[in-house]
N, C-alpha and C. Protein backbone atom coordinates (compact mmCIF):
# COMPACT_ATOMS: atom_id res chain seq x y z
N MET A 1 117.19 148.56 76.83
CA MET A 1 116.64 147.70 77.90
C MET A 1 117.37 148.02 79.20
N TYR A 2 116.62 148.08 80.30
CA TYR A 2 117.21 148.25 81.61
C TYR A 2 116.64 147.17 82.50
N ALA A 3 117.40 146.85 83.53
CA ALA A 3 116.88 145.84 84.49
C ALA A 3 117.30 146.30 85.87
N ILE A 4 116.44 146.04 86.83
CA ILE A 4 116.78 146.35 88.20
C ILE A 4 116.03 145.43 89.15
N ASN A 5 116.65 145.06 90.22
CA ASN A 5 116.03 144.15 91.18
C ASN A 5 115.24 144.95 92.20
N VAL A 6 113.95 144.74 92.27
CA VAL A 6 113.10 145.50 93.19
C VAL A 6 113.57 145.30 94.64
N LYS A 7 114.12 144.14 94.97
CA LYS A 7 114.50 143.85 96.34
C LYS A 7 115.70 144.69 96.79
N GLU A 8 116.39 145.35 95.87
CA GLU A 8 117.51 146.17 96.23
C GLU A 8 117.07 147.50 96.87
N PHE A 9 115.79 147.82 96.76
CA PHE A 9 115.29 149.11 97.22
C PHE A 9 114.35 148.93 98.40
N ASP A 10 114.50 149.79 99.40
CA ASP A 10 113.64 149.76 100.57
C ASP A 10 112.28 150.46 100.27
N LYS A 11 112.29 151.30 99.24
CA LYS A 11 111.09 152.05 98.86
C LYS A 11 110.67 151.66 97.45
N PRO A 12 109.41 151.93 97.13
CA PRO A 12 109.00 151.81 95.71
C PRO A 12 109.73 152.85 94.89
N PHE A 13 109.92 152.60 93.62
CA PHE A 13 110.72 153.49 92.80
C PHE A 13 110.12 153.67 91.41
N VAL A 14 110.56 154.72 90.75
CA VAL A 14 110.08 155.00 89.37
C VAL A 14 111.30 155.38 88.52
N PHE A 15 111.33 154.88 87.29
CA PHE A 15 112.32 155.34 86.35
C PHE A 15 111.84 156.64 85.73
N VAL A 16 112.68 157.66 85.70
CA VAL A 16 112.32 158.97 85.18
C VAL A 16 113.29 159.33 84.05
N ASP A 17 112.76 159.78 82.92
CA ASP A 17 113.62 160.16 81.81
C ASP A 17 114.45 161.37 82.20
N THR A 18 115.69 161.39 81.73
CA THR A 18 116.63 162.45 82.09
C THR A 18 116.16 163.85 81.61
N ARG A 19 115.28 163.85 80.63
CA ARG A 19 114.82 165.15 80.10
C ARG A 19 113.64 165.75 80.88
N GLU A 20 113.14 165.00 81.87
CA GLU A 20 112.03 165.53 82.67
C GLU A 20 112.60 166.54 83.70
N PRO A 21 111.79 167.52 84.14
CA PRO A 21 112.27 168.54 85.04
C PRO A 21 112.71 167.99 86.42
N ASP A 22 113.80 168.52 86.93
CA ASP A 22 114.38 167.99 88.17
C ASP A 22 113.44 168.13 89.37
N ILE A 23 112.57 169.14 89.35
CA ILE A 23 111.70 169.38 90.49
C ILE A 23 110.79 168.21 90.79
N ILE A 24 110.46 167.41 89.79
CA ILE A 24 109.53 166.28 90.04
C ILE A 24 110.18 165.24 90.93
N ASP A 25 111.52 165.16 90.95
CA ASP A 25 112.19 164.22 91.85
C ASP A 25 111.86 164.52 93.30
N THR A 26 111.87 165.83 93.62
CA THR A 26 111.52 166.24 94.99
C THR A 26 110.07 165.84 95.34
N TYR A 27 109.17 166.03 94.40
CA TYR A 27 107.77 165.68 94.67
C TYR A 27 107.60 164.17 94.81
N PHE A 28 108.32 163.38 94.04
CA PHE A 28 108.26 161.93 94.19
C PHE A 28 108.71 161.51 95.58
N ARG A 29 109.82 162.09 96.03
CA ARG A 29 110.37 161.71 97.33
C ARG A 29 109.46 162.14 98.46
N GLU A 30 108.74 163.26 98.27
CA GLU A 30 107.76 163.69 99.26
C GLU A 30 106.66 162.62 99.39
N ASN A 31 106.43 161.88 98.34
CA ASN A 31 105.41 160.82 98.33
C ASN A 31 105.98 159.45 98.63
N GLY A 32 107.25 159.41 99.06
CA GLY A 32 107.84 158.14 99.45
C GLY A 32 108.29 157.25 98.32
N VAL A 33 108.59 157.84 97.14
CA VAL A 33 109.00 157.08 95.96
C VAL A 33 110.45 157.49 95.58
N GLU A 34 111.30 156.50 95.42
CA GLU A 34 112.68 156.75 95.01
C GLU A 34 112.72 156.97 93.49
N VAL A 35 113.68 157.80 93.05
CA VAL A 35 113.79 158.14 91.63
C VAL A 35 115.06 157.55 91.05
N ILE A 36 114.93 156.93 89.88
CA ILE A 36 116.07 156.43 89.12
C ILE A 36 116.05 157.15 87.79
N ARG A 37 117.03 157.98 87.55
CA ARG A 37 117.12 158.73 86.30
C ARG A 37 117.79 157.89 85.20
N ARG A 38 117.17 157.79 84.05
CA ARG A 38 117.71 157.12 82.86
C ARG A 38 117.21 157.86 81.63
N GLN A 39 117.97 157.74 80.55
CA GLN A 39 117.47 158.20 79.26
C GLN A 39 116.61 157.06 78.72
N LEU A 40 115.33 157.23 78.79
CA LEU A 40 114.40 156.15 78.46
C LEU A 40 114.17 156.05 76.96
N ASP A 41 114.03 154.82 76.48
CA ASP A 41 113.75 154.57 75.06
C ASP A 41 112.31 154.92 74.75
N ILE A 42 111.42 154.62 75.68
CA ILE A 42 110.00 154.93 75.50
C ILE A 42 109.44 155.51 76.78
N GLY A 43 108.50 156.43 76.63
CA GLY A 43 107.83 157.02 77.79
C GLY A 43 108.72 157.98 78.57
N ASP A 44 108.07 158.72 79.49
CA ASP A 44 108.76 159.65 80.39
C ASP A 44 108.96 159.02 81.78
N TYR A 45 108.07 158.08 82.13
CA TYR A 45 108.14 157.42 83.45
C TYR A 45 107.81 155.94 83.26
N VAL A 46 108.60 155.08 83.87
CA VAL A 46 108.35 153.64 83.80
C VAL A 46 108.10 153.17 85.23
N VAL A 47 106.91 152.62 85.44
CA VAL A 47 106.47 152.15 86.76
C VAL A 47 106.83 150.68 86.93
N SER A 48 106.69 149.90 85.86
CA SER A 48 106.94 148.48 85.92
C SER A 48 107.08 147.97 84.49
N LEU A 49 107.30 146.68 84.39
CA LEU A 49 107.36 146.02 83.08
C LEU A 49 106.11 146.32 82.24
N ASP A 50 105.00 146.50 82.91
CA ASP A 50 103.70 146.65 82.22
C ASP A 50 103.19 148.08 82.07
N THR A 51 103.76 149.01 82.82
CA THR A 51 103.15 150.32 82.91
C THR A 51 104.13 151.45 82.58
N VAL A 52 103.81 152.18 81.51
CA VAL A 52 104.64 153.31 81.06
C VAL A 52 103.78 154.55 80.90
N ILE A 53 104.33 155.69 81.29
CA ILE A 53 103.57 156.94 81.31
C ILE A 53 104.25 158.01 80.47
N GLU A 54 103.48 158.73 79.69
CA GLU A 54 103.92 159.95 78.98
C GLU A 54 103.29 161.15 79.69
N ARG A 55 104.11 162.13 80.04
CA ARG A 55 103.58 163.36 80.63
C ARG A 55 103.62 164.47 79.62
N LYS A 56 102.51 165.15 79.45
CA LYS A 56 102.48 166.26 78.50
C LYS A 56 101.81 167.48 79.15
N ARG A 57 102.53 168.61 79.11
CA ARG A 57 101.85 169.85 79.50
C ARG A 57 100.79 170.15 78.44
N ARG A 58 99.73 170.84 78.88
CA ARG A 58 98.57 171.07 77.97
C ARG A 58 99.03 171.66 76.63
N GLU A 59 99.91 172.66 76.68
CA GLU A 59 100.32 173.31 75.42
C GLU A 59 101.14 172.36 74.53
N ASP A 60 101.94 171.49 75.17
CA ASP A 60 102.72 170.54 74.40
C ASP A 60 101.82 169.46 73.79
N PHE A 61 100.76 169.10 74.52
CA PHE A 61 99.81 168.12 73.99
C PHE A 61 99.18 168.64 72.73
N GLU A 62 98.79 169.90 72.76
CA GLU A 62 98.14 170.49 71.57
C GLU A 62 99.14 170.62 70.43
N SER A 63 100.37 171.01 70.74
CA SER A 63 101.38 171.11 69.72
C SER A 63 101.66 169.76 69.05
N SER A 64 101.64 168.71 69.84
CA SER A 64 101.91 167.38 69.31
C SER A 64 100.77 166.89 68.41
N ILE A 65 99.57 167.39 68.65
CA ILE A 65 98.44 167.08 67.74
C ILE A 65 98.66 167.78 66.41
N ILE A 66 99.07 169.05 66.49
CA ILE A 66 99.24 169.87 65.28
C ILE A 66 100.35 169.33 64.39
N ASP A 67 101.50 168.97 65.01
CA ASP A 67 102.63 168.52 64.18
C ASP A 67 102.70 167.02 63.97
N GLY A 68 101.77 166.28 64.53
CA GLY A 68 101.71 164.84 64.27
C GLY A 68 102.51 163.95 65.20
N ARG A 69 103.25 164.56 66.13
CA ARG A 69 104.09 163.78 67.05
C ARG A 69 103.27 162.88 67.96
N LEU A 70 102.07 163.29 68.28
CA LEU A 70 101.26 162.59 69.28
C LEU A 70 101.05 161.13 68.91
N PHE A 71 100.70 160.89 67.68
CA PHE A 71 100.33 159.55 67.29
C PHE A 71 101.56 158.66 67.00
N SER A 72 102.66 159.30 66.64
CA SER A 72 103.90 158.47 66.48
C SER A 72 104.38 158.05 67.90
N GLN A 73 104.19 158.89 68.88
CA GLN A 73 104.53 158.52 70.26
C GLN A 73 103.59 157.43 70.77
N ALA A 74 102.33 157.55 70.43
CA ALA A 74 101.35 156.53 70.83
C ALA A 74 101.69 155.17 70.19
N GLU A 75 102.13 155.19 68.97
CA GLU A 75 102.47 153.96 68.23
C GLU A 75 103.64 153.24 68.90
N ARG A 76 104.59 153.98 69.43
CA ARG A 76 105.76 153.39 70.09
C ARG A 76 105.39 152.67 71.37
N LEU A 77 104.24 153.06 71.96
CA LEU A 77 103.80 152.43 73.21
C LEU A 77 102.86 151.27 72.96
N ARG A 78 102.59 150.92 71.73
CA ARG A 78 101.54 149.96 71.41
C ARG A 78 101.72 148.61 72.13
N GLU A 79 102.97 148.16 72.28
CA GLU A 79 103.22 146.84 72.85
C GLU A 79 103.16 146.83 74.40
N ILE A 80 103.08 148.01 75.03
CA ILE A 80 103.02 148.10 76.49
C ILE A 80 101.59 147.79 76.95
N GLN A 81 101.47 147.03 77.98
CA GLN A 81 100.12 146.64 78.47
C GLN A 81 99.34 147.85 79.00
N ASN A 82 99.94 148.57 79.95
CA ASN A 82 99.28 149.76 80.55
C ASN A 82 100.01 151.00 80.13
N LYS A 83 99.44 151.71 79.19
CA LYS A 83 100.07 152.95 78.69
C LYS A 83 99.17 154.11 79.03
N ILE A 84 99.78 155.14 79.58
CA ILE A 84 99.01 156.27 80.13
C ILE A 84 99.60 157.59 79.66
N PHE A 85 98.74 158.46 79.22
CA PHE A 85 99.11 159.86 78.93
C PHE A 85 98.56 160.72 80.05
N ILE A 86 99.43 161.46 80.72
CA ILE A 86 98.97 162.44 81.72
C ILE A 86 99.10 163.81 81.06
N ILE A 87 97.96 164.50 81.01
CA ILE A 87 97.91 165.84 80.41
C ILE A 87 97.81 166.85 81.56
N GLU A 88 98.78 167.73 81.63
CA GLU A 88 99.00 168.56 82.81
C GLU A 88 98.67 170.02 82.50
N GLY A 89 97.85 170.62 83.39
CA GLY A 89 97.52 172.02 83.24
C GLY A 89 96.09 172.26 82.79
N ASN A 90 95.62 173.48 82.92
CA ASN A 90 94.25 173.83 82.58
C ASN A 90 94.17 174.29 81.15
N ILE A 91 92.97 174.15 80.57
CA ILE A 91 92.72 174.64 79.21
C ILE A 91 92.66 176.16 79.23
N SER A 92 93.49 176.79 78.41
CA SER A 92 93.41 178.26 78.27
C SER A 92 93.98 178.65 76.93
N ASN A 93 93.25 179.42 76.19
CA ASN A 93 93.67 179.91 74.88
C ASN A 93 94.09 178.76 74.00
N SER A 94 93.24 177.72 73.90
CA SER A 94 93.56 176.59 73.08
C SER A 94 93.76 176.95 71.63
N ARG A 95 94.76 176.36 70.98
CA ARG A 95 95.09 176.64 69.59
C ARG A 95 94.31 175.74 68.63
N ILE A 96 93.63 174.71 69.17
CA ILE A 96 92.85 173.86 68.32
C ILE A 96 91.40 173.82 68.83
N ASN A 97 90.50 173.54 67.91
CA ASN A 97 89.08 173.61 68.30
C ASN A 97 88.70 172.34 69.10
N ARG A 98 87.58 172.45 69.76
CA ARG A 98 87.14 171.38 70.66
C ARG A 98 86.93 170.06 69.92
N LYS A 99 86.40 170.14 68.69
CA LYS A 99 86.13 168.94 67.92
C LYS A 99 87.43 168.16 67.63
N ALA A 100 88.50 168.89 67.27
CA ALA A 100 89.79 168.26 66.98
C ALA A 100 90.37 167.65 68.26
N LEU A 101 90.20 168.38 69.36
CA LEU A 101 90.73 167.90 70.67
C LEU A 101 90.04 166.62 71.09
N LEU A 102 88.72 166.60 70.99
CA LEU A 102 87.97 165.40 71.35
C LEU A 102 88.29 164.23 70.40
N GLY A 103 88.57 164.57 69.17
CA GLY A 103 88.96 163.55 68.19
C GLY A 103 90.28 162.89 68.57
N ALA A 104 91.23 163.71 69.04
CA ALA A 104 92.54 163.19 69.46
C ALA A 104 92.38 162.30 70.69
N TYR A 105 91.55 162.75 71.66
CA TYR A 105 91.28 161.91 72.84
C TYR A 105 90.70 160.58 72.43
N SER A 106 89.73 160.62 71.55
CA SER A 106 89.05 159.40 71.11
C SER A 106 90.00 158.44 70.42
N SER A 107 90.87 158.97 69.58
CA SER A 107 91.84 158.11 68.86
C SER A 107 92.80 157.44 69.82
N LEU A 108 93.31 158.20 70.80
CA LEU A 108 94.23 157.61 71.77
C LEU A 108 93.57 156.49 72.57
N ILE A 109 92.33 156.72 72.98
CA ILE A 109 91.62 155.73 73.79
C ILE A 109 91.21 154.51 72.97
N ILE A 110 90.62 154.73 71.83
CA ILE A 110 90.05 153.63 71.03
C ILE A 110 91.06 152.91 70.14
N ASP A 111 91.87 153.72 69.43
CA ASP A 111 92.82 153.14 68.46
C ASP A 111 94.09 152.61 69.12
N TYR A 112 94.51 153.24 70.20
CA TYR A 112 95.79 152.86 70.81
C TYR A 112 95.64 152.29 72.23
N ASN A 113 94.40 152.23 72.72
CA ASN A 113 94.13 151.68 74.06
C ASN A 113 94.95 152.40 75.13
N ILE A 114 95.05 153.72 75.01
CA ILE A 114 95.82 154.53 75.95
C ILE A 114 94.87 155.20 76.94
N SER A 115 95.19 155.10 78.23
CA SER A 115 94.40 155.79 79.27
C SER A 115 94.80 157.24 79.34
N LEU A 116 93.84 158.13 79.45
CA LEU A 116 94.12 159.57 79.60
C LEU A 116 93.79 160.00 81.01
N MET A 117 94.70 160.78 81.62
CA MET A 117 94.47 161.31 82.96
C MET A 117 94.90 162.76 82.93
N PHE A 118 94.24 163.56 83.76
CA PHE A 118 94.44 165.01 83.75
C PHE A 118 94.83 165.49 85.14
N THR A 119 95.86 166.37 85.20
CA THR A 119 96.29 166.91 86.48
C THR A 119 96.43 168.42 86.38
N ARG A 120 96.42 169.08 87.53
CA ARG A 120 96.53 170.54 87.57
C ARG A 120 97.94 171.04 87.29
N ASN A 121 98.91 170.34 87.89
CA ASN A 121 100.30 170.79 87.82
C ASN A 121 101.26 169.63 88.03
N ILE A 122 102.54 169.91 88.00
CA ILE A 122 103.54 168.84 88.08
C ILE A 122 103.54 168.16 89.45
N ARG A 123 103.22 168.90 90.48
CA ARG A 123 103.16 168.27 91.82
C ARG A 123 102.02 167.24 91.85
N ALA A 124 100.90 167.59 91.27
CA ALA A 124 99.78 166.65 91.22
C ALA A 124 100.09 165.46 90.36
N THR A 125 100.89 165.68 89.29
CA THR A 125 101.31 164.59 88.41
C THR A 125 102.18 163.61 89.22
N ALA A 126 103.12 164.14 90.00
CA ALA A 126 103.99 163.25 90.80
C ALA A 126 103.17 162.48 91.80
N GLU A 127 102.16 163.11 92.41
CA GLU A 127 101.31 162.43 93.37
C GLU A 127 100.54 161.27 92.73
N LEU A 128 100.04 161.51 91.52
CA LEU A 128 99.28 160.48 90.81
C LEU A 128 100.18 159.32 90.43
N ILE A 129 101.37 159.62 89.85
CA ILE A 129 102.28 158.54 89.45
C ILE A 129 102.75 157.77 90.69
N SER A 130 102.99 158.48 91.80
CA SER A 130 103.41 157.79 93.04
C SER A 130 102.38 156.77 93.49
N ALA A 131 101.09 157.11 93.36
CA ALA A 131 100.03 156.19 93.74
C ALA A 131 100.07 154.96 92.82
N MET A 132 100.34 155.15 91.54
CA MET A 132 100.44 154.05 90.61
C MET A 132 101.62 153.15 90.98
N VAL A 133 102.76 153.79 91.29
CA VAL A 133 103.97 153.03 91.66
C VAL A 133 103.70 152.11 92.86
N LYS A 134 103.08 152.68 93.89
CA LYS A 134 102.81 151.90 95.08
C LYS A 134 101.83 150.78 94.84
N HIS A 135 100.81 151.06 94.02
CA HIS A 135 99.83 150.01 93.69
C HIS A 135 100.52 148.88 92.91
N GLU A 136 101.34 149.24 91.96
CA GLU A 136 101.96 148.24 91.08
C GLU A 136 103.05 147.45 91.81
N GLN A 137 103.88 148.12 92.59
CA GLN A 137 105.03 147.47 93.19
C GLN A 137 104.77 146.86 94.56
N LEU A 138 103.87 147.45 95.30
CA LEU A 138 103.60 146.96 96.64
C LEU A 138 102.33 146.10 96.73
N LEU A 139 101.24 146.57 96.15
CA LEU A 139 99.98 145.86 96.28
C LEU A 139 99.89 144.65 95.34
N ARG A 140 100.42 144.82 94.13
CA ARG A 140 100.30 143.74 93.16
C ARG A 140 101.48 142.78 93.16
N HIS A 141 102.54 143.15 93.92
CA HIS A 141 103.72 142.28 94.04
C HIS A 141 104.25 141.88 92.66
N LYS A 142 104.67 142.87 91.92
CA LYS A 142 105.15 142.64 90.58
C LYS A 142 106.44 141.82 90.58
N GLU A 143 106.86 141.36 89.39
CA GLU A 143 108.08 140.58 89.26
C GLU A 143 109.27 141.31 89.87
N ASN A 144 110.26 140.52 90.28
CA ASN A 144 111.45 141.10 90.89
C ASN A 144 112.31 141.89 89.93
N LYS A 145 112.17 141.60 88.67
CA LYS A 145 112.98 142.32 87.68
C LYS A 145 112.13 143.08 86.75
N LEU A 146 112.60 144.26 86.37
CA LEU A 146 111.95 145.09 85.39
C LEU A 146 112.81 145.17 84.14
N PHE A 147 112.27 144.82 83.00
CA PHE A 147 112.96 144.98 81.72
C PHE A 147 112.07 145.82 80.85
N PHE A 148 112.61 146.86 80.28
CA PHE A 148 111.77 147.67 79.42
C PHE A 148 112.61 148.35 78.39
N GLY A 149 111.94 148.87 77.37
CA GLY A 149 112.64 149.53 76.26
C GLY A 149 112.98 148.55 75.15
N LYS A 150 113.54 149.08 74.11
CA LYS A 150 113.92 148.23 73.00
C LYS A 150 115.10 147.32 73.38
N LYS A 151 114.96 146.05 73.06
CA LYS A 151 116.05 145.13 73.35
C LYS A 151 117.16 145.29 72.32
N PRO A 152 118.40 145.49 72.75
CA PRO A 152 119.51 145.64 71.81
C PRO A 152 119.76 144.34 71.02
N LYS A 153 120.17 144.48 69.79
CA LYS A 153 120.40 143.31 68.95
C LYS A 153 121.89 143.08 68.72
N GLU A 154 122.66 144.15 68.60
CA GLU A 154 124.09 144.00 68.32
C GLU A 154 124.83 143.65 69.63
N ILE A 155 125.90 142.86 69.50
CA ILE A 155 126.66 142.41 70.69
C ILE A 155 127.20 143.61 71.49
N HIS A 156 127.73 144.61 70.81
CA HIS A 156 128.30 145.76 71.54
C HIS A 156 127.20 146.52 72.28
N GLN A 157 125.98 146.55 71.74
CA GLN A 157 124.87 147.19 72.44
C GLN A 157 124.49 146.42 73.67
N ILE A 158 124.42 145.10 73.56
CA ILE A 158 124.08 144.26 74.70
C ILE A 158 125.13 144.43 75.82
N GLN A 159 126.42 144.46 75.45
CA GLN A 159 127.49 144.65 76.41
C GLN A 159 127.33 145.95 77.17
N ARG A 160 127.04 147.01 76.41
CA ARG A 160 126.92 148.33 77.04
C ARG A 160 125.69 148.38 77.97
N LYS A 161 124.58 147.81 77.52
CA LYS A 161 123.37 147.79 78.35
C LYS A 161 123.57 147.04 79.64
N MET A 162 124.38 145.94 79.57
CA MET A 162 124.66 145.18 80.78
C MET A 162 125.30 146.06 81.85
N LEU A 163 126.16 146.98 81.42
CA LEU A 163 126.85 147.85 82.40
C LEU A 163 125.94 149.00 82.83
N GLU A 164 125.06 149.45 81.96
CA GLU A 164 124.19 150.58 82.29
C GLU A 164 123.20 150.24 83.38
N VAL A 165 122.99 148.97 83.65
CA VAL A 165 122.13 148.54 84.75
C VAL A 165 122.70 148.99 86.09
N ILE A 166 124.02 149.09 86.20
CA ILE A 166 124.67 149.49 87.45
C ILE A 166 124.35 150.95 87.73
N PRO A 167 123.92 151.31 88.95
CA PRO A 167 123.61 152.69 89.26
C PRO A 167 124.75 153.61 88.97
N ASN A 168 124.46 154.79 88.37
CA ASN A 168 125.41 155.84 88.04
C ASN A 168 126.38 155.44 86.94
N VAL A 169 126.08 154.37 86.23
CA VAL A 169 126.86 154.04 85.03
C VAL A 169 125.97 154.29 83.81
N GLY A 170 126.20 155.41 83.15
CA GLY A 170 125.41 155.75 81.96
C GLY A 170 126.13 155.28 80.70
N PRO A 171 125.55 155.61 79.55
CA PRO A 171 126.16 155.21 78.25
C PRO A 171 127.59 155.62 78.09
N SER A 172 127.93 156.83 78.47
CA SER A 172 129.29 157.31 78.29
C SER A 172 130.32 156.55 79.10
N LEU A 173 130.00 156.32 80.42
CA LEU A 173 130.91 155.58 81.28
C LEU A 173 131.01 154.11 80.87
N ALA A 174 129.85 153.53 80.45
CA ALA A 174 129.88 152.15 80.00
C ALA A 174 130.79 152.01 78.80
N ASP A 175 130.74 152.95 77.92
CA ASP A 175 131.60 152.97 76.73
C ASP A 175 133.08 153.05 77.12
N LYS A 176 133.39 153.93 78.09
CA LYS A 176 134.79 154.05 78.57
C LYS A 176 135.28 152.74 79.16
N LEU A 177 134.46 152.10 79.97
CA LEU A 177 134.83 150.84 80.60
C LEU A 177 135.14 149.76 79.57
N LEU A 178 134.25 149.63 78.59
CA LEU A 178 134.45 148.62 77.57
C LEU A 178 135.61 148.93 76.65
N SER A 179 135.83 150.22 76.40
CA SER A 179 136.96 150.62 75.57
C SER A 179 138.30 150.27 76.25
N GLN A 180 138.35 150.47 77.58
CA GLN A 180 139.57 150.22 78.30
C GLN A 180 139.80 148.74 78.59
N PHE A 181 138.73 148.00 78.93
CA PHE A 181 138.91 146.60 79.31
C PHE A 181 138.63 145.62 78.14
N ASN A 182 138.01 146.14 77.10
CA ASN A 182 137.82 145.41 75.84
C ASN A 182 136.69 144.34 75.92
N THR A 183 136.64 143.57 77.01
CA THR A 183 135.59 142.55 77.12
C THR A 183 134.94 142.60 78.52
N ILE A 184 133.73 142.11 78.63
CA ILE A 184 133.08 142.00 79.94
C ILE A 184 133.87 141.10 80.85
N ARG A 185 134.46 140.03 80.29
CA ARG A 185 135.24 139.11 81.10
C ARG A 185 136.42 139.81 81.76
N ASP A 186 137.17 140.61 80.96
CA ASP A 186 138.33 141.32 81.53
C ASP A 186 137.90 142.34 82.57
N LEU A 187 136.77 143.00 82.32
CA LEU A 187 136.27 143.98 83.28
C LEU A 187 135.89 143.30 84.58
N SER A 188 135.21 142.14 84.49
CA SER A 188 134.79 141.45 85.70
C SER A 188 135.96 140.91 86.49
N ASN A 189 137.08 140.65 85.83
CA ASN A 189 138.26 140.13 86.51
C ASN A 189 139.19 141.23 87.05
N SER A 190 138.82 142.49 86.80
CA SER A 190 139.70 143.60 87.17
C SER A 190 139.68 143.86 88.65
N GLN A 191 140.73 144.48 89.16
CA GLN A 191 140.80 144.89 90.58
C GLN A 191 140.30 146.31 90.74
N LYS A 192 139.98 146.68 91.94
CA LYS A 192 139.46 148.02 92.22
C LYS A 192 140.43 149.09 91.78
N ARG A 193 141.73 148.86 92.06
CA ARG A 193 142.72 149.90 91.70
C ARG A 193 142.78 150.11 90.18
N THR A 194 142.52 149.06 89.42
CA THR A 194 142.48 149.19 87.96
C THR A 194 141.26 149.97 87.52
N LEU A 195 140.16 149.74 88.16
CA LEU A 195 138.92 150.46 87.81
C LEU A 195 139.10 151.96 88.03
N LEU A 196 139.86 152.30 89.07
CA LEU A 196 140.09 153.73 89.40
C LEU A 196 140.84 154.48 88.30
N SER A 197 141.50 153.73 87.40
CA SER A 197 142.23 154.40 86.32
C SER A 197 141.32 154.89 85.23
N VAL A 198 140.04 154.48 85.27
CA VAL A 198 139.07 154.92 84.25
C VAL A 198 138.52 156.29 84.63
N ASP A 199 138.58 157.22 83.70
CA ASP A 199 138.09 158.59 83.92
C ASP A 199 136.62 158.55 84.31
N GLY A 200 136.29 159.20 85.43
CA GLY A 200 134.90 159.25 85.89
C GLY A 200 134.55 158.24 86.96
N ILE A 201 135.54 157.43 87.37
CA ILE A 201 135.27 156.43 88.43
C ILE A 201 136.06 156.79 89.67
N GLY A 202 135.33 156.95 90.79
CA GLY A 202 135.97 157.22 92.08
C GLY A 202 135.91 155.97 92.93
N ASP A 203 136.27 156.12 94.22
CA ASP A 203 136.34 154.99 95.11
C ASP A 203 134.97 154.25 95.25
N LYS A 204 133.92 155.01 95.47
CA LYS A 204 132.61 154.38 95.69
C LYS A 204 132.10 153.63 94.43
N LYS A 205 132.28 154.27 93.28
CA LYS A 205 131.84 153.62 92.07
C LYS A 205 132.68 152.39 91.74
N ALA A 206 133.98 152.50 91.96
CA ALA A 206 134.88 151.35 91.71
C ALA A 206 134.48 150.19 92.65
N ASP A 207 134.18 150.52 93.91
CA ASP A 207 133.81 149.48 94.87
C ASP A 207 132.49 148.81 94.45
N LEU A 208 131.54 149.59 93.98
CA LEU A 208 130.24 149.04 93.56
C LEU A 208 130.40 148.13 92.35
N ILE A 209 131.17 148.59 91.35
CA ILE A 209 131.37 147.78 90.14
C ILE A 209 132.05 146.46 90.51
N TRP A 210 133.04 146.56 91.37
CA TRP A 210 133.78 145.33 91.78
C TRP A 210 132.83 144.38 92.49
N LYS A 211 131.96 144.88 93.37
CA LYS A 211 131.04 144.03 94.10
C LYS A 211 130.02 143.38 93.13
N VAL A 212 129.58 144.10 92.12
CA VAL A 212 128.63 143.55 91.16
C VAL A 212 129.19 142.28 90.51
N PHE A 213 130.48 142.28 90.22
CA PHE A 213 131.08 141.14 89.52
C PHE A 213 131.68 140.11 90.46
N ASN A 214 131.83 140.45 91.74
CA ASN A 214 132.57 139.55 92.62
C ASN A 214 131.81 139.09 93.87
N MET A 215 130.79 139.81 94.30
CA MET A 215 130.12 139.44 95.53
C MET A 215 129.18 138.25 95.25
N PRO A 216 129.28 137.17 96.04
CA PRO A 216 128.38 136.01 95.83
C PRO A 216 126.93 136.43 95.97
N TYR A 217 126.09 135.90 95.10
CA TYR A 217 124.68 136.24 95.05
C TYR A 217 123.97 135.92 96.37
N GLY A 218 124.37 134.81 97.02
CA GLY A 218 123.73 134.40 98.26
C GLY A 218 123.93 135.35 99.42
N ASN A 219 124.95 136.23 99.34
CA ASN A 219 125.22 137.17 100.44
C ASN A 219 124.02 138.07 100.73
N TYR A 220 123.31 138.45 99.68
CA TYR A 220 122.17 139.36 99.87
C TYR A 220 121.10 138.71 100.71
N TYR A 221 120.76 137.47 100.38
CA TYR A 221 119.69 136.78 101.09
C TYR A 221 120.11 136.40 102.49
N ASN A 222 121.38 136.06 102.70
CA ASN A 222 121.87 135.73 104.03
C ASN A 222 121.74 136.94 104.97
N LYS A 223 122.06 138.14 104.43
CA LYS A 223 121.96 139.36 105.23
C LYS A 223 120.51 139.66 105.57
N LYS A 224 119.58 139.40 104.64
CA LYS A 224 118.17 139.70 104.90
C LYS A 224 117.62 138.79 106.03
N LYS A 225 118.18 137.57 106.14
CA LYS A 225 117.69 136.64 107.14
C LYS A 225 118.20 136.98 108.52
N ASP A 226 119.41 137.64 108.61
CA ASP A 226 120.02 137.92 109.88
C ASP A 226 119.23 138.98 110.65
């Protein structure tokens, strides 16, 4: 599970899985969309609480039909309201016949309620997702918080996820912080100089972590009014 406050960003934003190609970040920013990289539990791109996207190159889409991955991925998205598969690239030298391909399309649409969209290339994919992001976050005025992915059940998982919400704090750094401070309470009571003793934390990151636990919540809204 991840959470982020929409009001913290001046631009619309999209969560992008860390395994997606770096070049798409550039294309998103060309379209006025900020990128937040995370290792996502489900999907390749998360637009909002309700909208998750899987991107598949044409050849990978066909491979996933052949080896059965396609429908296991579709099953994982079943609880998401708006689930979209973007199939990227032109048909050329298809390894499966047209009947099997149309059957896969039909199953995704009818059995899993998944929308299918087709793009020429990764730049066009970024343009399409950017339009969805703006529609969802700006036009529909979605909730201020986004929660997505599998909710952790174990206490140590919940503690780690709480820290992973902080920008540039991934699973490894969250684990280091909890190992050194032992509890969220001790971490929240720590001073900046103590945070700097943790491997991987510099001045800016220490300052941000300290502010997360110590800055009064009302400060944000008071600044916006000024």
